[in-house]
Amino acid sequence: MSKVVILGAGSSKDCSLPLGNEVFEYFPKHYDSPPWYGFMNKVFPQCVTGVSKYPTFEVVLSLIENWIRNGQTIGHYRPSDLENIRRSLIRSFLKIFNDICPWIDLQLVDNDGLMPEADVMHENFEWYQKFFNQLINKSRDTIFISMNYDVLLDNVLFKTERNFTYGFDIYDLANQNEGCRESGVLLLKPHGSINLVQCPKCKKVFTFKNSSLGPVSNYTCGRCDEYLNVLIIPPTFNKSVEDKSYAAIHKKIFEEISKADEILIIGYSLPDYDLNILQAFKEGTAKNQNGSKLKVEIIDKINNEKEQLKLKEKYGSIFNCTADKIICHFEGFKKYTAERLIFPVELNPPVAKC
């Protein structure tokens, strides 16, 4: 049997990481505001003042990508200005993970109040790690498609000494001619990842061979002498498939969907702008031979019955099954795992703030 697990931001929320529409709330506020702050104040003032949660971080980054690609000037912001704004957005975004990720795997017995949320982060990560270990041990044919930039699942695989691969050629930052992440559990990340960097010229992708954590920055490509960019690929409508890395991921997504007996979707609502992911899902479904026997299961935290039905109908349409055949769990990921873990977990620990 082949099981495909699709992860969205809702799968990381209980580990203290923000949803897409919460990212700007987590951004650090400085007296010397970063370049993106003035841009957002001018273009999306309601978002900056907290009146509106629109747009999400992904939408802003996607718009900027398109404006740069098309050579457009927005207000008085030229493409070169937008390049700087994009870099500053990503730097502020990575700051969130700098604050959280180093603590998820560390429990402080006596921190004297210096980092009280470290214990909470550790507790949150423990149940996450136990669930995915149990899932992989149960089925060796489980593959993962993560829409998240974070490295929570990467860290689970790394800490349990499992080999894993992102599905395309990646090289060690310390030895840039040496390949790494070449085999093992398949973890596809079509939107990129904070622990991956890419040369803007030759498009070669690198990571730390001996660590799952990021972000990695201030490195240069040994071949091109160009500074490496964090590999974050916003879900634009017209995402380029000319990049070999992305093309390889896209192909593997529809190949794995075409072979799947089971599809488990955790905290991912497939927004309309994620057109490339929808395309890969439909390509895979068109070739899937299981038909009505394909098992589709959704885990999310939705109280509204209309929204629940809307999500069921969306995935029913994508994977060619009626909404009543989809198995749904709408009380959240942590509640779902608590009912299935061999070891019990605490459902309502205090929430950490970064």
Protein backbone atom coordinates (compact mmCIF):
# COMPACT_ATOMS: atom_id res chain seq x y z
CA MET A 1 0.00 0.00 0.00
CA SER A 2 1.14 3.54 -0.73
CA LYS A 3 0.11 6.35 1.60
CA VAL A 4 0.53 10.03 0.70
CA VAL A 5 0.45 12.50 3.60
CA ILE A 6 -0.16 16.15 2.61
CA LEU A 7 0.86 18.73 5.22
CA GLY A 8 -0.34 22.33 5.44
CA ALA A 9 0.24 25.09 7.98
CA GLY A 10 -2.45 23.57 10.20
CA SER A 11 -0.16 20.60 10.85
CA SER A 12 2.46 22.91 12.43
CA LYS A 13 0.13 25.29 14.28
CA ASP A 14 0.14 23.31 17.55
CA CYS A 15 3.94 23.40 17.51
CA SER A 16 3.74 27.20 17.93
CA LEU A 17 4.25 28.07 14.26
CA PRO A 18 1.89 30.58 12.62
CA LEU A 19 -0.72 30.02 9.93
CA GLY A 20 -0.28 31.90 6.66
CA ASN A 21 -2.67 34.67 7.68
CA GLU A 22 -0.86 35.14 11.02
CA VAL A 23 2.71 35.62 9.81
CA PHE A 24 2.71 39.42 9.86
CA GLU A 25 1.55 39.38 13.50
CA TYR A 26 4.70 37.44 14.38
CA PHE A 27 7.07 39.74 12.54
CA PRO A 28 9.40 41.67 14.85
CA LYS A 29 8.72 45.39 15.09
CA HIS A 30 11.83 47.60 14.94
CA TYR A 31 12.47 51.30 15.32
CA ASP A 32 14.64 50.97 12.22
CA SER A 33 11.87 49.29 10.23
CA PRO A 34 12.93 46.87 7.45
CA PRO A 35 12.24 47.83 3.81
CA TRP A 36 9.09 45.71 3.60
CA TYR A 37 7.40 47.80 6.34
CA GLY A 38 7.23 51.01 4.30
CA PHE A 39 6.08 49.06 1.26
CA MET A 40 3.29 47.32 3.19
CA ASN A 41 2.27 50.63 4.79
CA LYS A 42 1.88 52.14 1.33
CA VAL A 43 0.34 49.21 -0.56
CA PHE A 44 -1.56 47.30 2.18
CA PRO A 45 -2.01 49.76 5.08
CA GLN A 46 -4.98 47.87 6.56
CA CYS A 47 -2.81 44.78 6.97
CA VAL A 48 -0.03 46.71 8.74
CA THR A 49 -2.43 48.36 11.19
CA GLY A 50 -4.12 45.04 11.97
CA VAL A 51 -7.50 46.02 10.54
CA SER A 52 -7.32 43.19 8.00
CA LYS A 53 -5.53 39.82 7.84
CA TYR A 54 -5.44 40.11 4.06
CA PRO A 55 -3.12 39.58 2.34
CA THR A 56 -1.22 36.59 3.68
CA PHE A 57 2.57 36.46 3.59
CA GLU A 58 2.40 34.07 0.60
CA VAL A 59 0.15 36.41 -1.38
CA VAL A 60 2.43 39.41 -0.77
CA LEU A 61 5.51 37.43 -1.77
CA SER A 62 3.73 36.08 -4.87
CA LEU A 63 2.68 39.57 -5.98
CA ILE A 64 6.22 40.88 -5.54
CA GLU A 65 7.62 37.92 -7.51
CA ASN A 66 5.24 38.64 -10.38
CA TRP A 67 5.93 42.39 -10.39
CA ILE A 68 9.68 41.74 -10.49
CA ARG A 69 9.30 39.14 -13.23
CA ASN A 70 7.19 41.52 -15.34
CA GLY A 71 9.49 44.50 -14.74
CA GLN A 72 6.67 46.56 -13.21
CA THR A 73 6.85 49.63 -10.99
CA ILE A 74 4.30 49.70 -8.15
CA GLY A 75 3.74 53.22 -6.87
CA HIS A 76 7.29 54.55 -6.64
CA TYR A 77 8.77 51.05 -6.08
CA ARG A 78 10.86 49.95 -9.06
CA PRO A 79 11.80 46.27 -9.69
CA SER A 80 15.19 46.84 -8.01
CA ASP A 81 13.38 48.23 -4.94
CA LEU A 82 11.05 45.24 -4.96
CA GLU A 83 14.05 42.88 -4.98
CA ASN A 84 15.25 44.51 -1.75
CA ILE A 85 11.75 44.34 -0.25
CA ARG A 86 11.48 40.65 -1.10
CA ARG A 87 14.81 39.93 0.60
CA SER A 88 13.77 41.86 3.71
CA LEU A 89 10.44 40.00 3.86
CA ILE A 90 12.22 36.66 3.78
CA ARG A 91 14.72 37.79 6.44
CA SER A 92 11.89 38.80 8.78
CA PHE A 93 10.08 35.55 7.99
CA LEU A 94 13.15 33.50 8.87
CA LYS A 95 13.42 35.38 12.17
CA ILE A 96 10.24 33.60 13.30
CA PHE A 97 11.93 30.23 12.82
CA ASN A 98 15.18 31.45 14.37
CA ASP A 99 13.17 32.19 17.50
CA ILE A 100 11.26 28.90 17.57
CA CYS A 101 13.09 26.06 15.81
CA PRO A 102 16.24 25.91 18.01
CA TRP A 103 14.00 25.25 21.03
CA ILE A 104 11.63 22.63 19.69
CA ASP A 105 14.09 19.84 20.36
CA LEU A 106 15.39 21.08 23.72
CA GLN A 107 13.77 20.84 27.14
CA LEU A 108 15.18 23.09 29.85
CA VAL A 109 14.83 21.66 33.34
CA ASP A 110 15.72 24.92 35.09
CA ASN A 111 15.86 27.98 32.86
CA ASP A 112 15.21 30.55 35.62
CA GLY A 113 12.56 32.19 33.48
CA LEU A 114 15.01 33.05 30.71
CA MET A 115 13.19 30.92 28.12
CA PRO A 116 9.99 29.58 29.72
CA GLU A 117 8.44 28.79 26.34
CA ALA A 118 11.25 26.29 25.60
CA ASP A 119 9.52 23.65 27.72
CA VAL A 120 6.22 24.30 25.94
CA MET A 121 7.83 24.05 22.51
CA HIS A 122 9.49 20.80 23.51
CA GLU A 123 6.19 19.33 24.74
CA ASN A 124 4.44 20.40 21.56
CA PHE A 125 7.13 18.84 19.41
CA GLU A 126 7.14 15.57 21.35
CA TRP A 127 3.65 14.50 20.34
CA TYR A 128 4.33 15.63 16.76
CA GLN A 129 7.47 13.49 16.65
CA LYS A 130 5.77 10.45 18.23
CA PHE A 131 2.90 10.54 15.76
CA PHE A 132 5.07 10.68 12.64
CA ASN A 133 7.46 8.03 13.93
CA GLN A 134 4.50 5.77 14.58
CA LEU A 135 3.06 6.54 11.14
CA ILE A 136 6.31 5.72 9.32
CA ASN A 137 6.91 2.56 11.36
CA LYS A 138 3.42 1.35 10.51
CA SER A 139 3.84 1.88 6.77
CA ARG A 140 7.24 2.01 5.11
CA ASP A 141 5.59 3.21 1.89
CA THR A 142 4.45 6.53 3.40
CA ILE A 143 5.59 9.60 1.48
CA PHE A 144 5.11 13.23 2.50
CA ILE A 145 4.17 16.36 0.57
CA SER A 146 4.71 19.42 2.78
CA MET A 147 3.47 22.84 1.71
CA ASN A 148 5.30 24.36 4.70
CA TYR A 149 8.61 26.21 4.75
CA ASP A 150 9.34 24.94 8.27
CA VAL A 151 11.59 21.98 9.14
CA LEU A 152 9.51 20.22 11.80
CA LEU A 153 9.10 16.98 9.88
CA ASP A 154 12.65 17.23 8.52
CA ASN A 155 13.84 17.39 12.11
CA VAL A 156 11.81 14.33 13.09
CA LEU A 157 13.42 12.31 10.31
CA PHE A 158 16.89 13.63 11.08
CA LYS A 159 16.73 13.11 14.85
CA THR A 160 15.50 9.54 14.45
CA GLU A 161 18.41 8.87 12.08
CA ARG A 162 16.20 8.06 9.11
CA ASN A 163 17.55 8.71 5.66
CA PHE A 164 15.29 11.05 3.71
CA THR A 165 15.30 12.83 0.38
CA TYR A 166 13.62 15.93 -1.03
CA GLY A 167 13.28 14.26 -4.41
CA PHE A 168 15.91 16.18 -6.40
CA ASP A 169 19.67 16.78 -6.40
CA ILE A 170 20.91 18.62 -3.30
CA TYR A 171 24.51 19.27 -2.24
CA ASP A 172 26.28 19.72 1.07
CA LEU A 173 27.08 23.34 1.92
CA ALA A 174 30.36 22.32 3.57
CA ASN A 175 31.47 20.32 0.53
CA GLN A 176 29.59 21.70 -2.44
CA ASN A 177 30.51 18.86 -4.81
CA GLU A 178 29.15 16.21 -2.46
CA GLY A 179 25.52 15.16 -2.80
CA CYS A 180 23.25 14.65 0.22
CA ARG A 181 19.63 13.75 1.00
CA GLU A 182 19.79 11.22 -1.80
CA SER A 183 17.60 8.35 -0.53
CA GLY A 184 15.16 7.22 2.13
CA VAL A 185 11.76 8.63 3.14
CA LEU A 186 10.44 10.91 0.39
CA LEU A 187 9.65 14.42 1.65
CA LEU A 188 8.52 16.71 -1.18
CA LYS A 189 8.44 20.46 -0.46
CA PRO A 190 7.08 22.23 -3.57
CA HIS A 191 7.14 25.64 -1.84
CA GLY A 192 10.76 25.30 -0.77
CA SER A 193 12.20 25.14 2.74
CA ILE A 194 14.04 27.41 5.16
CA ASN A 195 17.00 25.01 5.32
CA LEU A 196 17.60 24.99 1.55
CA VAL A 197 19.52 27.62 -0.41
CA GLN A 198 19.95 28.03 -4.15
CA CYS A 199 22.46 29.74 -6.40
CA PRO A 200 20.60 32.39 -8.45
CA LYS A 201 22.87 31.72 -11.42
CA CYS A 202 23.44 27.96 -11.79
CA LYS A 203 20.32 27.00 -9.73
CA LYS A 204 22.22 24.40 -7.71
CA VAL A 205 20.57 23.71 -4.31
CA PHE A 206 22.43 23.19 -1.02
CA THR A 207 21.76 22.32 2.61
CA PHE A 208 23.68 21.21 5.69
CA LYS A 209 24.39 17.49 5.39
CA ASN A 210 24.66 17.01 9.15
CA SER A 211 21.72 19.13 10.29
CA SER A 212 18.04 19.44 9.48
CA LEU A 213 17.69 22.95 10.85
CA GLY A 214 17.86 26.27 9.10
CA PRO A 215 17.94 28.94 8.06
CA VAL A 216 21.24 28.93 6.24
CA SER A 217 22.54 32.25 4.93
CA ASN A 218 25.64 34.24 3.94
CA TYR A 219 27.06 31.40 1.88
CA THR A 220 28.26 31.67 -1.71
CA CYS A 221 28.23 29.22 -4.59
CA GLY A 222 31.73 27.83 -5.07
CA ARG A 223 31.23 27.66 -8.82
CA CYS A 224 29.55 31.02 -9.50
CA ASP A 225 30.71 33.09 -6.49
CA GLU A 226 27.10 34.26 -6.07
CA TYR A 227 25.39 34.66 -2.70
CA LEU A 228 22.90 31.83 -2.14
CA ASN A 229 19.20 32.62 -1.68
CA VAL A 230 16.89 30.82 0.73
CA LEU A 231 14.74 28.52 -1.41
CA ILE A 232 11.25 29.85 -0.74
CA ILE A 233 8.89 29.42 -3.70
CA PRO A 234 5.61 31.30 -3.19
CA PRO A 235 2.49 29.62 -4.61
CA THR A 236 1.96 31.94 -7.58
CA PHE A 237 -0.63 31.26 -10.28
CA ASN A 238 2.06 31.01 -12.94
CA LYS A 239 4.92 29.35 -11.08
CA SER A 240 7.81 28.63 -13.42
CA VAL A 241 8.45 24.94 -14.11
CA GLU A 242 11.70 25.73 -15.92
CA ASP A 243 13.67 25.30 -12.68
CA LYS A 244 14.86 21.67 -12.67
CA SER A 245 14.38 21.27 -8.92
CA TYR A 246 10.77 22.42 -8.98
CA ALA A 247 10.03 20.42 -12.14
CA ALA A 248 11.36 17.27 -10.41
CA ILE A 249 9.14 17.88 -7.36
CA HIS A 250 6.07 18.55 -9.53
CA LYS A 251 6.62 15.30 -11.43
CA LYS A 252 7.09 13.26 -8.26
CA ILE A 253 3.92 14.69 -6.69
CA PHE A 254 1.66 13.50 -9.50
CA GLU A 255 3.56 10.18 -9.73
CA GLU A 256 3.00 9.49 -6.03
CA ILE A 257 -0.66 10.55 -6.18
CA SER A 258 -1.14 8.21 -9.14
CA LYS A 259 0.13 5.25 -7.04
CA ALA A 260 -1.62 6.11 -3.78
CA ASP A 261 -4.08 3.84 -1.99
CA GLU A 262 -4.56 6.36 0.81
CA ILE A 263 -4.32 10.15 0.99
CA LEU A 264 -4.16 11.89 4.38
CA ILE A 265 -4.50 15.70 4.33
CA ILE A 266 -3.46 17.53 7.51
CA GLY A 267 -4.26 21.22 7.93
CA TYR A 268 -4.20 22.14 4.24
CA SER A 269 -7.15 23.78 2.48
CA LEU A 270 -5.52 24.13 -0.98
CA PRO A 271 -6.03 27.88 -1.61
CA ASP A 272 -7.09 28.86 -5.12
CA TYR A 273 -3.77 30.56 -5.86
CA ASP A 274 -1.95 27.23 -5.37
CA LEU A 275 -2.74 26.33 -8.96
CA ASN A 276 0.41 24.28 -9.59
CA ILE A 277 -0.36 21.96 -6.68
CA LEU A 278 -3.93 21.49 -7.94
CA GLN A 279 -2.51 20.67 -11.36
CA ALA A 280 -0.15 18.03 -9.93
CA PHE A 281 -2.96 16.51 -7.83
CA LYS A 282 -5.30 16.27 -10.83
CA GLU A 283 -2.60 14.81 -13.07
CA GLY A 284 -1.97 12.13 -10.47
CA THR A 285 -5.66 11.44 -9.87
CA ALA A 286 -6.27 11.02 -13.61
CA LYS A 287 -3.75 8.14 -13.63
CA ASN A 288 -4.74 6.60 -10.30
CA GLN A 289 -6.24 3.13 -10.86
CA ASN A 290 -7.90 2.78 -7.44
CA GLY A 291 -10.99 4.76 -8.39
CA SER A 292 -13.63 4.60 -5.68
CA LYS A 293 -11.31 2.48 -3.51
CA LEU A 294 -8.97 5.44 -2.96
CA LYS A 295 -9.20 6.37 0.73
CA VAL A 296 -9.18 10.12 1.41
CA GLU A 297 -8.94 11.43 4.97
CA ILE A 298 -8.95 15.09 6.12
CA ILE A 299 -7.68 16.46 9.44
CA ASP A 300 -8.34 20.11 10.22
CA LYS A 301 -9.77 22.40 12.88
CA ILE A 302 -13.06 23.76 11.53
CA ASN A 303 -16.19 24.38 13.63
CA ASN A 304 -18.42 25.78 10.90
CA GLU A 305 -20.44 23.04 9.15
CA LYS A 306 -20.62 24.99 5.86
CA GLU A 307 -16.83 25.34 5.81
CA GLN A 308 -16.45 21.65 6.63
CA LEU A 309 -18.69 20.69 3.70
CA LYS A 310 -16.89 23.14 1.41
CA LEU A 311 -13.54 21.50 2.17
CA LYS A 312 -14.97 17.98 1.72
CA GLU A 313 -16.48 18.92 -1.63
CA LYS A 314 -13.23 20.51 -2.79
CA TYR A 315 -11.15 17.43 -2.09
CA GLY A 316 -13.91 15.15 -3.34
CA SER A 317 -13.77 16.97 -6.68
CA ILE A 318 -9.98 16.81 -6.81
CA PHE A 319 -9.64 13.12 -5.94
CA ASN A 320 -12.81 11.97 -7.74
CA CYS A 321 -14.84 10.81 -4.75
CA THR A 322 -18.12 12.00 -3.25
CA ALA A 323 -17.98 14.14 -0.10
CA ASP A 324 -19.77 11.50 1.98
CA LYS A 325 -16.98 8.99 1.23
CA ILE A 326 -14.25 11.26 2.67
CA ILE A 327 -13.29 10.54 6.28
CA CYS A 328 -13.08 13.81 8.23
CA HIS A 329 -11.69 14.87 11.61
CA PHE A 330 -12.43 18.52 12.33
CA GLU A 331 -11.28 18.82 15.96
CA GLY A 332 -7.65 19.55 15.11
CA PHE A 333 -4.43 17.65 14.49
CA LYS A 334 -3.43 17.28 18.15
CA LYS A 335 -6.82 15.75 19.08
CA TYR A 336 -6.50 13.36 16.14
CA THR A 337 -3.03 12.23 17.19
CA ALA A 338 -4.01 11.89 20.86
CA GLU A 339 -6.65 9.33 19.90
CA ARG A 340 -4.20 7.27 17.85
CA LEU A 341 -0.86 7.47 19.63
CA ILE A 342 0.43 4.51 21.62
CA PHE A 343 1.70 7.05 24.17
CA PRO A 344 -0.83 9.66 25.39
CA VAL A 345 -0.24 13.37 24.88
CA GLU A 346 -1.49 16.45 26.72
CA LEU A 347 -4.12 18.12 24.59
CA ASN A 348 -4.04 21.63 26.04
CA PRO A 349 -0.56 22.69 27.15
CA PRO A 350 0.08 26.46 27.31
CA VAL A 351 0.78 28.07 23.94
CA ALA A 352 4.27 29.45 23.39
CA LYS A 353 4.78 32.95 22.09
CA CYS A 354 7.83 33.95 20.13
